[in-house]
């Protein structure tokens, strides 16, 4: 029987909006060890070091071998599990942020084909993922260093991609302008129409470019950012739930509580009184 192990780190804070490491680690799995079916709220890259495994997503099953890489997309139901006779060992990094989708769109990953076979820089990818793990920690300096090393790792996938450069760089400009507007005005009663008007494109066009580059609609992005800011206030301020709701742009505290529970799985009051939950 082969020895199994798991070394991982989960970040308690995810303050860097452009790109943040959510979790990182490496594991040698036992026979048929499985995650899922389930969904992640972030991207997750796995590099297979040894053994075999299987990745199931959107009705397809991909057998995976040493040197292969697979990508889990946010809010897509997936299952992945180790082979019975030759269970795999893999390295992984989970991440999100406004830069994540932009970077991954420049790689060979796609929702239809979320794997890369026998990556030519596999050994370097493994090394870079381990470097992220080495930088682990919840201090702000740790999070900056992990993000920097993640950029280096993702650059390997961009460099090896066969895709041509984006011929529509203005699209990402629209998204960045929209994101900046959300950051500056989330505490006010702004709408998707307000964002589109500021960016200078139609609501439908804004929806398309946001989905392409962030994986979320403008409404989802705004709600996520508001809830994120609410988490900080609930933990770090004496404000009531109603005051927190007003502070992050929710005029109706009941609607805020429902939106918060939907995203975090608990009520704002429960979150405020828990010291162990990440934001």
C-alpha atoms as a PDB file:
ATOM      1  CA  UNK A   1       0.000   0.000   0.000  1.00  0.00           C
ATOM      2  CA  UNK A   2       1.403   3.367  -1.009  1.00  0.00           C
ATOM      3  CA  UNK A   3       1.718   6.203   1.491  1.00  0.00           C
ATOM      4  CA  UNK A   4      -0.681   9.082   0.979  1.00  0.00           C
ATOM      5  CA  UNK A   5      -0.371  12.675   2.096  1.00  0.00           C
ATOM      6  CA  UNK A   6      -1.928  16.098   1.721  1.00  0.00           C
ATOM      7  CA  UNK A   7      -0.300  19.478   2.255  1.00  0.00           C
ATOM      8  CA  UNK A   8      -2.482  22.490   1.648  1.00  0.00           C
ATOM      9  CA  UNK A   9      -3.073  26.082   2.654  1.00  0.00           C
ATOM     10  CA  UNK A  10      -6.305  28.091   2.519  1.00  0.00           C
ATOM     11  CA  UNK A  11      -6.110  31.850   2.618  1.00  0.00           C
ATOM     12  CA  UNK A  12      -8.235  33.468   5.327  1.00  0.00           C
ATOM     13  CA  UNK A  13      -8.319  36.776   3.456  1.00  0.00           C
ATOM     14  CA  UNK A  14      -8.754  37.528  -0.236  1.00  0.00           C
ATOM     15  CA  UNK A  15      -8.332  41.296  -0.404  1.00  0.00           C
ATOM     16  CA  UNK A  16      -6.442  41.597  -3.697  1.00  0.00           C
ATOM     17  CA  UNK A  17      -9.189  42.002  -6.285  1.00  0.00           C
ATOM     18  CA  UNK A  18      -7.024  41.733  -9.418  1.00  0.00           C
ATOM     19  CA  UNK A  19      -5.741  38.279  -8.492  1.00  0.00           C
ATOM     20  CA  UNK A  20      -5.826  36.415  -5.183  1.00  0.00           C
ATOM     21  CA  UNK A  21      -4.691  32.937  -4.159  1.00  0.00           C
ATOM     22  CA  UNK A  22      -7.559  31.133  -2.438  1.00  0.00           C
ATOM     23  CA  UNK A  23      -5.772  27.870  -1.697  1.00  0.00           C
ATOM     24  CA  UNK A  24      -2.660  25.967  -2.704  1.00  0.00           C
ATOM     25  CA  UNK A  25      -1.150  22.585  -1.982  1.00  0.00           C
ATOM     26  CA  UNK A  26      -0.120  19.139  -3.122  1.00  0.00           C
ATOM     27  CA  UNK A  27      -1.493  15.698  -2.399  1.00  0.00           C
ATOM     28  CA  UNK A  28      -0.827  12.037  -3.029  1.00  0.00           C
ATOM     29  CA  UNK A  29      -4.287  10.496  -3.049  1.00  0.00           C
ATOM     30  CA  UNK A  30      -5.508   7.145  -1.894  1.00  0.00           C
ATOM     31  CA  UNK A  31      -7.254   4.789  -4.313  1.00  0.00           C
ATOM     32  CA  UNK A  32     -10.477   6.306  -5.720  1.00  0.00           C
ATOM     33  CA  UNK A  33     -10.141   9.453  -3.581  1.00  0.00           C
ATOM     34  CA  UNK A  34     -12.790  11.836  -4.943  1.00  0.00           C
ATOM     35  CA  UNK A  35     -13.884  15.454  -4.777  1.00  0.00           C
ATOM     36  CA  UNK A  36     -17.405  16.263  -5.917  1.00  0.00           C
ATOM     37  CA  UNK A  37     -19.783  16.418  -7.489  1.00  0.00           C
ATOM     38  CA  UNK A  38     -19.704  20.067  -6.524  1.00  0.00           C
ATOM     39  CA  UNK A  39     -18.872  23.610  -7.607  1.00  0.00           C
ATOM     40  CA  UNK A  40     -16.063  25.981  -6.677  1.00  0.00           C
ATOM     41  CA  UNK A  41     -16.433  29.766  -6.429  1.00  0.00           C
ATOM     42  CA  UNK A  42     -12.977  30.256  -7.964  1.00  0.00           C
ATOM     43  CA  UNK A  43     -10.622  28.852 -10.590  1.00  0.00           C
ATOM     44  CA  UNK A  44      -8.544  25.810  -9.664  1.00  0.00           C
ATOM     45  CA  UNK A  45      -5.552  24.489 -11.613  1.00  0.00           C
ATOM     46  CA  UNK A  46      -4.193  20.982 -11.003  1.00  0.00           C
ATOM     47  CA  UNK A  47      -0.909  19.615 -12.338  1.00  0.00           C
ATOM     48  CA  UNK A  48      -0.682  15.806 -12.325  1.00  0.00           C
ATOM     49  CA  UNK A  49       2.754  14.699 -11.140  1.00  0.00           C
ATOM     50  CA  UNK A  50       2.264  10.922 -11.121  1.00  0.00           C
ATOM     51  CA  UNK A  51      -0.399   8.231 -11.274  1.00  0.00           C
ATOM     52  CA  UNK A  52      -3.773   8.466 -12.983  1.00  0.00           C
ATOM     53  CA  UNK A  53      -7.106  10.143 -12.367  1.00  0.00           C
ATOM     54  CA  UNK A  54     -10.319  11.295 -13.968  1.00  0.00           C
ATOM     55  CA  UNK A  55     -11.949  14.704 -14.351  1.00  0.00           C
ATOM     56  CA  UNK A  56     -15.664  14.947 -15.121  1.00  0.00           C
ATOM     57  CA  UNK A  57     -17.281  18.221 -16.168  1.00  0.00           C
ATOM     58  CA  UNK A  58     -20.214  19.252 -18.359  1.00  0.00           C
ATOM     59  CA  UNK A  59     -21.000  15.686 -19.381  1.00  0.00           C
ATOM     60  CA  UNK A  60     -17.421  14.723 -20.338  1.00  0.00           C
ATOM     61  CA  UNK A  61     -14.893  12.506 -18.555  1.00  0.00           C
ATOM     62  CA  UNK A  62     -11.190  13.181 -19.126  1.00  0.00           C
ATOM     63  CA  UNK A  63      -8.666  10.524 -18.088  1.00  0.00           C
ATOM     64  CA  UNK A  64      -5.498  12.268 -16.859  1.00  0.00           C
ATOM     65  CA  UNK A  65      -1.872  11.163 -16.660  1.00  0.00           C
ATOM     66  CA  UNK A  66       1.499  12.513 -15.469  1.00  0.00           C
ATOM     67  CA  UNK A  67       2.261  15.893 -17.054  1.00  0.00           C
ATOM     68  CA  UNK A  68      -1.397  16.748 -17.710  1.00  0.00           C
ATOM     69  CA  UNK A  69      -3.033  19.895 -16.329  1.00  0.00           C
ATOM     70  CA  UNK A  70      -6.730  20.487 -15.754  1.00  0.00           C
ATOM     71  CA  UNK A  71      -8.684  23.623 -14.931  1.00  0.00           C
ATOM     72  CA  UNK A  72     -11.826  23.866 -12.790  1.00  0.00           C
ATOM     73  CA  UNK A  73     -14.039  26.825 -13.740  1.00  0.00           C
ATOM     74  CA  UNK A  74     -16.056  28.750 -11.136  1.00  0.00           C
ATOM     75  CA  UNK A  75     -19.674  27.701 -10.617  1.00  0.00           C
ATOM     76  CA  UNK A  76     -19.389  24.692 -12.944  1.00  0.00           C
ATOM     77  CA  UNK A  77     -20.271  21.300 -11.458  1.00  0.00           C
ATOM     78  CA  UNK A  78     -17.265  18.965 -11.501  1.00  0.00           C
ATOM     79  CA  UNK A  79     -16.045  15.661 -10.103  1.00  0.00           C
ATOM     80  CA  UNK A  80     -12.482  14.418 -10.047  1.00  0.00           C
ATOM     81  CA  UNK A  81     -11.118  11.224  -8.568  1.00  0.00           C
ATOM     82  CA  UNK A  82      -8.020   9.055  -8.377  1.00  0.00           C
ATOM     83  CA  UNK A  83      -7.516   5.841 -10.321  1.00  0.00           C
ATOM     84  CA  UNK A  84      -8.138   2.647  -8.367  1.00  0.00           C
ATOM     85  CA  UNK A  85      -4.795   0.982  -9.152  1.00  0.00           C
ATOM     86  CA  UNK A  86      -2.553   4.001  -9.756  1.00  0.00           C
ATOM     87  CA  UNK A  87      -3.940   6.908  -7.698  1.00  0.00           C
ATOM     88  CA  UNK A  88      -2.561  10.249  -8.687  1.00  0.00           C
ATOM     89  CA  UNK A  89      -0.380  12.816  -6.984  1.00  0.00           C
ATOM     90  CA  UNK A  90      -1.018  16.418  -7.962  1.00  0.00           C
ATOM     91  CA  UNK A  91      -0.189  20.025  -7.176  1.00  0.00           C
ATOM     92  CA  UNK A  92      -2.867  22.723  -7.259  1.00  0.00           C
ATOM     93  CA  UNK A  93      -3.629  26.396  -6.829  1.00  0.00           C
ATOM     94  CA  UNK A  94      -7.049  28.004  -6.471  1.00  0.00           C
ATOM     95  CA  UNK A  95      -7.481  31.671  -7.362  1.00  0.00           C
ATOM     96  CA  UNK A  96      -9.866  34.409  -8.497  1.00  0.00           C
ATOM     97  CA  UNK A  97      -9.878  38.098  -9.348  1.00  0.00           C
ATOM     98  CA  UNK A  98     -10.540  40.448 -12.234  1.00  0.00           C
ATOM     99  CA  UNK A  99      -7.274  39.430 -13.932  1.00  0.00           C
ATOM    100  CA  UNK A 100      -7.941  35.684 -13.680  1.00  0.00           C
ATOM    101  CA  UNK A 101     -10.345  35.293 -16.596  1.00  0.00           C
ATOM    102  CA  UNK A 102      -8.314  37.677 -18.772  1.00  0.00           C
ATOM    103  CA  UNK A 103      -5.165  35.623 -18.242  1.00  0.00           C
ATOM    104  CA  UNK A 104      -6.869  32.260 -18.717  1.00  0.00           C
ATOM    105  CA  UNK A 105      -8.513  33.446 -21.946  1.00  0.00           C
ATOM    106  CA  UNK A 106      -4.980  33.850 -23.310  1.00  0.00           C
ATOM    107  CA  UNK A 107      -4.129  30.196 -22.554  1.00  0.00           C
ATOM    108  CA  UNK A 108      -5.122  26.952 -24.242  1.00  0.00           C
ATOM    109  CA  UNK A 109      -7.748  26.195 -21.590  1.00  0.00           C
ATOM    110  CA  UNK A 110     -11.422  26.472 -22.557  1.00  0.00           C
ATOM    111  CA  UNK A 111     -14.704  25.328 -21.095  1.00  0.00           C
ATOM    112  CA  UNK A 112     -15.015  22.761 -23.882  1.00  0.00           C
ATOM    113  CA  UNK A 113     -11.463  21.527 -23.339  1.00  0.00           C
ATOM    114  CA  UNK A 114     -10.347  22.359 -19.783  1.00  0.00           C
ATOM    115  CA  UNK A 115      -7.222  20.194 -19.962  1.00  0.00           C
ATOM    116  CA  UNK A 116      -3.736  20.474 -21.434  1.00  0.00           C
ATOM    117  CA  UNK A 117      -2.013  17.202 -22.244  1.00  0.00           C
ATOM    118  CA  UNK A 118       1.651  16.618 -21.345  1.00  0.00           C
ATOM    119  CA  UNK A 119       2.487  20.279 -20.817  1.00  0.00           C
ATOM    120  CA  UNK A 120       6.005  20.918 -22.173  1.00  0.00           C
ATOM    121  CA  UNK A 121       6.919  22.916 -19.058  1.00  0.00           C
ATOM    122  CA  UNK A 122       5.381  20.538 -16.577  1.00  0.00           C
ATOM    123  CA  UNK A 123       8.383  20.365 -14.251  1.00  0.00           C
ATOM    124  CA  UNK A 124       8.533  24.163 -14.095  1.00  0.00           C
ATOM    125  CA  UNK A 125       4.774  24.384 -13.451  1.00  0.00           C
ATOM    126  CA  UNK A 126       5.145  21.977 -10.532  1.00  0.00           C
ATOM    127  CA  UNK A 127       8.022  24.062  -9.187  1.00  0.00           C
ATOM    128  CA  UNK A 128       6.076  27.330  -9.493  1.00  0.00           C
ATOM    129  CA  UNK A 129       2.995  25.892  -7.767  1.00  0.00           C
ATOM    130  CA  UNK A 130       5.225  24.711  -4.938  1.00  0.00           C
ATOM    131  CA  UNK A 131       6.760  28.208  -4.745  1.00  0.00           C
ATOM    132  CA  UNK A 132       3.267  29.597  -4.128  1.00  0.00           C
ATOM    133  CA  UNK A 133       2.848  27.079  -1.312  1.00  0.00           C
ATOM    134  CA  UNK A 134       6.211  28.099   0.161  1.00  0.00           C
ATOM    135  CA  UNK A 135       5.006  31.713   0.350  1.00  0.00           C
ATOM    136  CA  UNK A 136       1.817  30.742   2.219  1.00  0.00           C
ATOM    137  CA  UNK A 137       0.529  32.823   5.107  1.00  0.00           C
ATOM    138  CA  UNK A 138      -2.255  35.235   6.010  1.00  0.00           C
ATOM    139  CA  UNK A 139      -0.159  38.352   6.513  1.00  0.00           C
ATOM    140  CA  UNK A 140      -0.680  40.944   3.786  1.00  0.00           C
ATOM    141  CA  UNK A 141       2.945  40.460   2.688  1.00  0.00           C
ATOM    142  CA  UNK A 142       2.305  36.716   2.272  1.00  0.00           C
ATOM    143  CA  UNK A 143      -0.741  37.363   0.107  1.00  0.00           C
ATOM    144  CA  UNK A 144       1.209  39.744  -2.110  1.00  0.00           C
ATOM    145  CA  UNK A 145       4.023  37.221  -2.513  1.00  0.00           C
ATOM    146  CA  UNK A 146       1.642  34.347  -3.268  1.00  0.00           C
ATOM    147  CA  UNK A 147      -0.109  36.473  -5.901  1.00  0.00           C
ATOM    148  CA  UNK A 148       3.221  37.432  -7.492  1.00  0.00           C
ATOM    149  CA  UNK A 149       4.250  33.799  -7.737  1.00  0.00           C
ATOM    150  CA  UNK A 150       0.828  32.889  -9.137  1.00  0.00           C
ATOM    151  CA  UNK A 151       1.293  35.450 -11.939  1.00  0.00           C
ATOM    152  CA  UNK A 152       4.623  33.753 -12.744  1.00  0.00           C
ATOM    153  CA  UNK A 153       2.956  30.326 -12.865  1.00  0.00           C
ATOM    154  CA  UNK A 154       0.094  31.510 -15.087  1.00  0.00           C
ATOM    155  CA  UNK A 155       2.549  33.207 -17.433  1.00  0.00           C
ATOM    156  CA  UNK A 156       3.865  29.731 -18.314  1.00  0.00           C
ATOM    157  CA  UNK A 157       0.464  28.788 -19.732  1.00  0.00           C
ATOM    158  CA  UNK A 158       0.199  32.033 -21.699  1.00  0.00           C
ATOM    159  CA  UNK A 159       3.688  31.656 -23.185  1.00  0.00           C
ATOM    160  CA  UNK A 160       3.003  28.109 -24.346  1.00  0.00           C
ATOM    161  CA  UNK A 161      -0.422  28.935 -25.786  1.00  0.00           C
ATOM    162  CA  UNK A 162      -1.130  28.677 -29.476  1.00  0.00           C
ATOM    163  CA  UNK A 163      -3.700  31.471 -29.320  1.00  0.00           C
ATOM    164  CA  UNK A 164      -3.150  34.761 -31.080  1.00  0.00           C
ATOM    165  CA  UNK A 165      -3.246  38.001 -29.150  1.00  0.00           C
ATOM    166  CA  UNK A 166      -6.671  39.450 -28.419  1.00  0.00           C
ATOM    167  CA  UNK A 167      -7.715  41.619 -31.344  1.00  0.00           C
ATOM    168  CA  UNK A 168     -10.220  43.449 -29.146  1.00  0.00           C
ATOM    169  CA  UNK A 169      -8.181  44.952 -26.313  1.00  0.00           C
ATOM    170  CA  UNK A 170     -10.907  47.566 -25.842  1.00  0.00           C
ATOM    171  CA  UNK A 171     -13.109  44.856 -24.316  1.00  0.00           C
ATOM    172  CA  UNK A 172     -10.859  44.481 -21.284  1.00  0.00           C
ATOM    173  CA  UNK A 173     -10.714  48.271 -21.067  1.00  0.00           C
ATOM    174  CA  UNK A 174     -14.512  48.289 -20.735  1.00  0.00           C
ATOM    175  CA  UNK A 175     -14.325  45.714 -17.960  1.00  0.00           C
ATOM    176  CA  UNK A 176     -11.593  47.558 -16.054  1.00  0.00           C
ATOM    177  CA  UNK A 177     -13.560  50.801 -16.315  1.00  0.00           C
ATOM    178  CA  UNK A 178     -16.677  49.028 -15.034  1.00  0.00           C
ATOM    179  CA  UNK A 179     -14.766  47.421 -12.177  1.00  0.00           C
ATOM    180  CA  UNK A 180     -13.279  50.791 -11.190  1.00  0.00           C
ATOM    181  CA  UNK A 181     -16.782  52.266 -11.121  1.00  0.00           C
ATOM    182  CA  UNK A 182     -17.989  49.471  -8.825  1.00  0.00           C
ATOM    183  CA  UNK A 183     -15.029  49.940  -6.473  1.00  0.00           C
ATOM    184  CA  UNK A 184     -15.702  53.680  -6.211  1.00  0.00           C
ATOM    185  CA  UNK A 185     -19.508  53.581  -5.979  1.00  0.00           C
ATOM    186  CA  UNK A 186     -20.581  50.220  -4.509  1.00  0.00           C
ATOM    187  CA  UNK A 187     -21.781  51.928  -1.309  1.00  0.00           C
ATOM    188  CA  UNK A 188     -24.374  53.900  -3.292  1.00  0.00           C
ATOM    189  CA  UNK A 189     -27.584  52.591  -4.821  1.00  0.00           C
ATOM    190  CA  UNK A 190     -26.030  51.994  -8.250  1.00  0.00           C
ATOM    191  CA  UNK A 191     -27.449  49.700 -10.920  1.00  0.00           C
ATOM    192  CA  UNK A 192     -26.095  47.782 -13.906  1.00  0.00           C
ATOM    193  CA  UNK A 193     -27.501  50.568 -16.093  1.00  0.00           C
ATOM    194  CA  UNK A 194     -25.371  53.082 -14.179  1.00  0.00           C
ATOM    195  CA  UNK A 195     -22.251  50.989 -14.788  1.00  0.00           C
ATOM    196  CA  UNK A 196     -23.030  50.621 -18.498  1.00  0.00           C
ATOM    197  CA  UNK A 197     -23.689  54.339 -18.836  1.00  0.00           C
ATOM    198  CA  UNK A 198     -20.358  55.173 -17.182  1.00  0.00           C
ATOM    199  CA  UNK A 199     -18.456  52.701 -19.372  1.00  0.00           C
ATOM    200  CA  UNK A 200     -20.229  53.992 -22.478  1.00  0.00           C
ATOM    201  CA  UNK A 201     -21.668  50.748 -23.851  1.00  0.00           C
ATOM    202  CA  UNK A 202     -25.080  49.075 -23.790  1.00  0.00           C
ATOM    203  CA  UNK A 203     -26.179  46.895 -20.886  1.00  0.00           C
ATOM    204  CA  UNK A 204     -26.156  43.789 -23.099  1.00  0.00           C
ATOM    205  CA  UNK A 205     -22.638  44.565 -24.343  1.00  0.00           C
ATOM    206  CA  UNK A 206     -21.477  45.114 -20.755  1.00  0.00           C
ATOM    207  CA  UNK A 207     -22.985  41.765 -19.775  1.00  0.00           C
ATOM    208  CA  UNK A 208     -21.106  39.960 -22.558  1.00  0.00           C
ATOM    209  CA  UNK A 209     -17.690  41.450 -21.813  1.00  0.00           C
ATOM    210  CA  UNK A 210     -18.068  40.963 -18.055  1.00  0.00           C
ATOM    211  CA  UNK A 211     -18.982  37.304 -18.521  1.00  0.00           C
ATOM    212  CA  UNK A 212     -16.037  36.855 -20.869  1.00  0.00           C
ATOM    213  CA  UNK A 213     -13.394  38.458 -18.670  1.00  0.00           C
ATOM    214  CA  UNK A 214     -14.612  37.895 -15.080  1.00  0.00           C
ATOM    215  CA  UNK A 215     -16.844  34.829 -15.403  1.00  0.00           C
ATOM    216  CA  UNK A 216     -19.674  36.820 -13.800  1.00  0.00           C
ATOM    217  CA  UNK A 217     -22.408  39.176 -14.905  1.00  0.00           C
ATOM    218  CA  UNK A 218     -22.052  42.831 -13.832  1.00  0.00           C
ATOM    219  CA  UNK A 219     -24.858  42.282 -11.298  1.00  0.00           C
ATOM    220  CA  UNK A 220     -23.096  39.248  -9.818  1.00  0.00           C
ATOM    221  CA  UNK A 221     -19.783  41.116  -9.662  1.00  0.00           C
ATOM    222  CA  UNK A 222     -21.387  44.079  -7.881  1.00  0.00           C
ATOM    223  CA  UNK A 223     -23.169  41.823  -5.398  1.00  0.00           C
ATOM    224  CA  UNK A 224     -20.022  39.812  -4.697  1.00  0.00           C
ATOM    225  CA  UNK A 225     -17.983  42.939  -4.042  1.00  0.00           C
ATOM    226  CA  UNK A 226     -20.656  44.396  -1.764  1.00  0.00           C
ATOM    227  CA  UNK A 227     -20.826  41.179   0.258  1.00  0.00           C
ATOM    228  CA  UNK A 228     -17.036  41.105   0.491  1.00  0.00           C
ATOM    229  CA  UNK A 229     -16.974  44.623   1.920  1.00  0.00           C
ATOM    230  CA  UNK A 230     -19.827  43.724   4.260  1.00  0.00           C
ATOM    231  CA  UNK A 231     -17.756  40.846   5.630  1.00  0.00           C
ATOM    232  CA  UNK A 232     -15.002  43.263   6.665  1.00  0.00           C
ATOM    233  CA  UNK A 233     -17.491  45.600   8.361  1.00  0.00           C
ATOM    234  CA  UNK A 234     -19.256  42.769  10.180  1.00  0.00           C
ATOM    235  CA  UNK A 235     -15.946  41.570  11.593  1.00  0.00           C
ATOM    236  CA  UNK A 236     -14.148  44.821  12.208  1.00  0.00           C
ATOM    237  CA  UNK A 237     -16.798  47.415  13.091  1.00  0.00           C
ATOM    238  CA  UNK A 238     -19.529  47.791  15.744  1.00  0.00           C
ATOM    239  CA  UNK A 239     -22.164  48.567  13.089  1.00  0.00           C
ATOM    240  CA  UNK A 240     -25.518  46.806  13.177  1.00  0.00           C
ATOM    241  CA  UNK A 241     -26.554  44.537  10.311  1.00  0.00           C
ATOM    242  CA  UNK A 242     -28.867  47.278   9.007  1.00  0.00           C
ATOM    243  CA  UNK A 243     -26.039  49.839   9.139  1.00  0.00           C
ATOM    244  CA  UNK A 244     -23.678  47.465   7.329  1.00  0.00           C
ATOM    245  CA  UNK A 245     -26.321  46.897   4.654  1.00  0.00           C
ATOM    246  CA  UNK A 246     -26.649  50.646   4.095  1.00  0.00           C
ATOM    247  CA  UNK A 247     -22.870  51.060   4.066  1.00  0.00           C
ATOM    248  CA  UNK A 248     -22.390  48.638   1.189  1.00  0.00           C
ATOM    249  CA  UNK A 249     -25.275  49.804  -0.995  1.00  0.00           C
ATOM    250  CA  UNK A 250     -28.218  47.684   0.169  1.00  0.00           C
ATOM    251  CA  UNK A 251     -31.157  49.931   1.086  1.00  0.00           C
ATOM    252  CA  UNK A 252     -33.237  46.946   2.246  1.00  0.00           C
ATOM    253  CA  UNK A 253     -31.591  45.088   5.162  1.00  0.00           C
ATOM    254  CA  UNK A 254     -33.838  42.044   4.654  1.00  0.00           C
ATOM    255  CA  UNK A 255     -32.728  41.743   1.017  1.00  0.00           C
ATOM    256  CA  UNK A 256     -29.127  42.183   2.189  1.00  0.00           C
ATOM    257  CA  UNK A 257     -29.521  39.323   4.682  1.00  0.00           C
ATOM    258  CA  UNK A 258     -30.955  37.050   1.981  1.00  0.00           C
ATOM    259  CA  UNK A 259     -28.167  37.947  -0.478  1.00  0.00           C
ATOM    260  CA  UNK A 260     -25.533  37.445   2.216  1.00  0.00           C
ATOM    261  CA  UNK A 261     -26.937  34.057   3.235  1.00  0.00           C
ATOM    262  CA  UNK A 262     -27.117  32.937  -0.384  1.00  0.00           C
ATOM    263  CA  UNK A 263     -23.413  33.690  -0.923  1.00  0.00           C
ATOM    264  CA  UNK A 264     -21.946  32.811   2.476  1.00  0.00           C
ATOM    265  CA  UNK A 265     -24.329  30.116   3.721  1.00  0.00           C
ATOM    266  CA  UNK A 266     -25.021  31.878   7.039  1.00  0.00           C
ATOM    267  CA  UNK A 267     -26.754  35.066   8.163  1.00  0.00           C
ATOM    268  CA  UNK A 268     -24.840  38.342   8.644  1.00  0.00           C
ATOM    269  CA  UNK A 269     -25.389  38.110  12.421  1.00  0.00           C
ATOM    270  CA  UNK A 270     -23.975  34.593  12.535  1.00  0.00           C
ATOM    271  CA  UNK A 271     -20.999  35.718  10.471  1.00  0.00           C
ATOM    272  CA  UNK A 272     -20.354  38.714  12.740  1.00  0.00           C
ATOM    273  CA  UNK A 273     -20.177  36.487  15.832  1.00  0.00           C
ATOM    274  CA  UNK A 274     -17.890  33.879  14.263  1.00  0.00           C
ATOM    275  CA  UNK A 275     -14.152  34.482  14.516  1.00  0.00           C
ATOM    276  CA  UNK A 276     -13.124  31.491  12.386  1.00  0.00           C
ATOM    277  CA  UNK A 277     -14.851  32.212   9.079  1.00  0.00           C
ATOM    278  CA  UNK A 278     -12.841  33.774   6.228  1.00  0.00           C
ATOM    279  CA  UNK A 279     -14.187  36.731   4.274  1.00  0.00           C
END
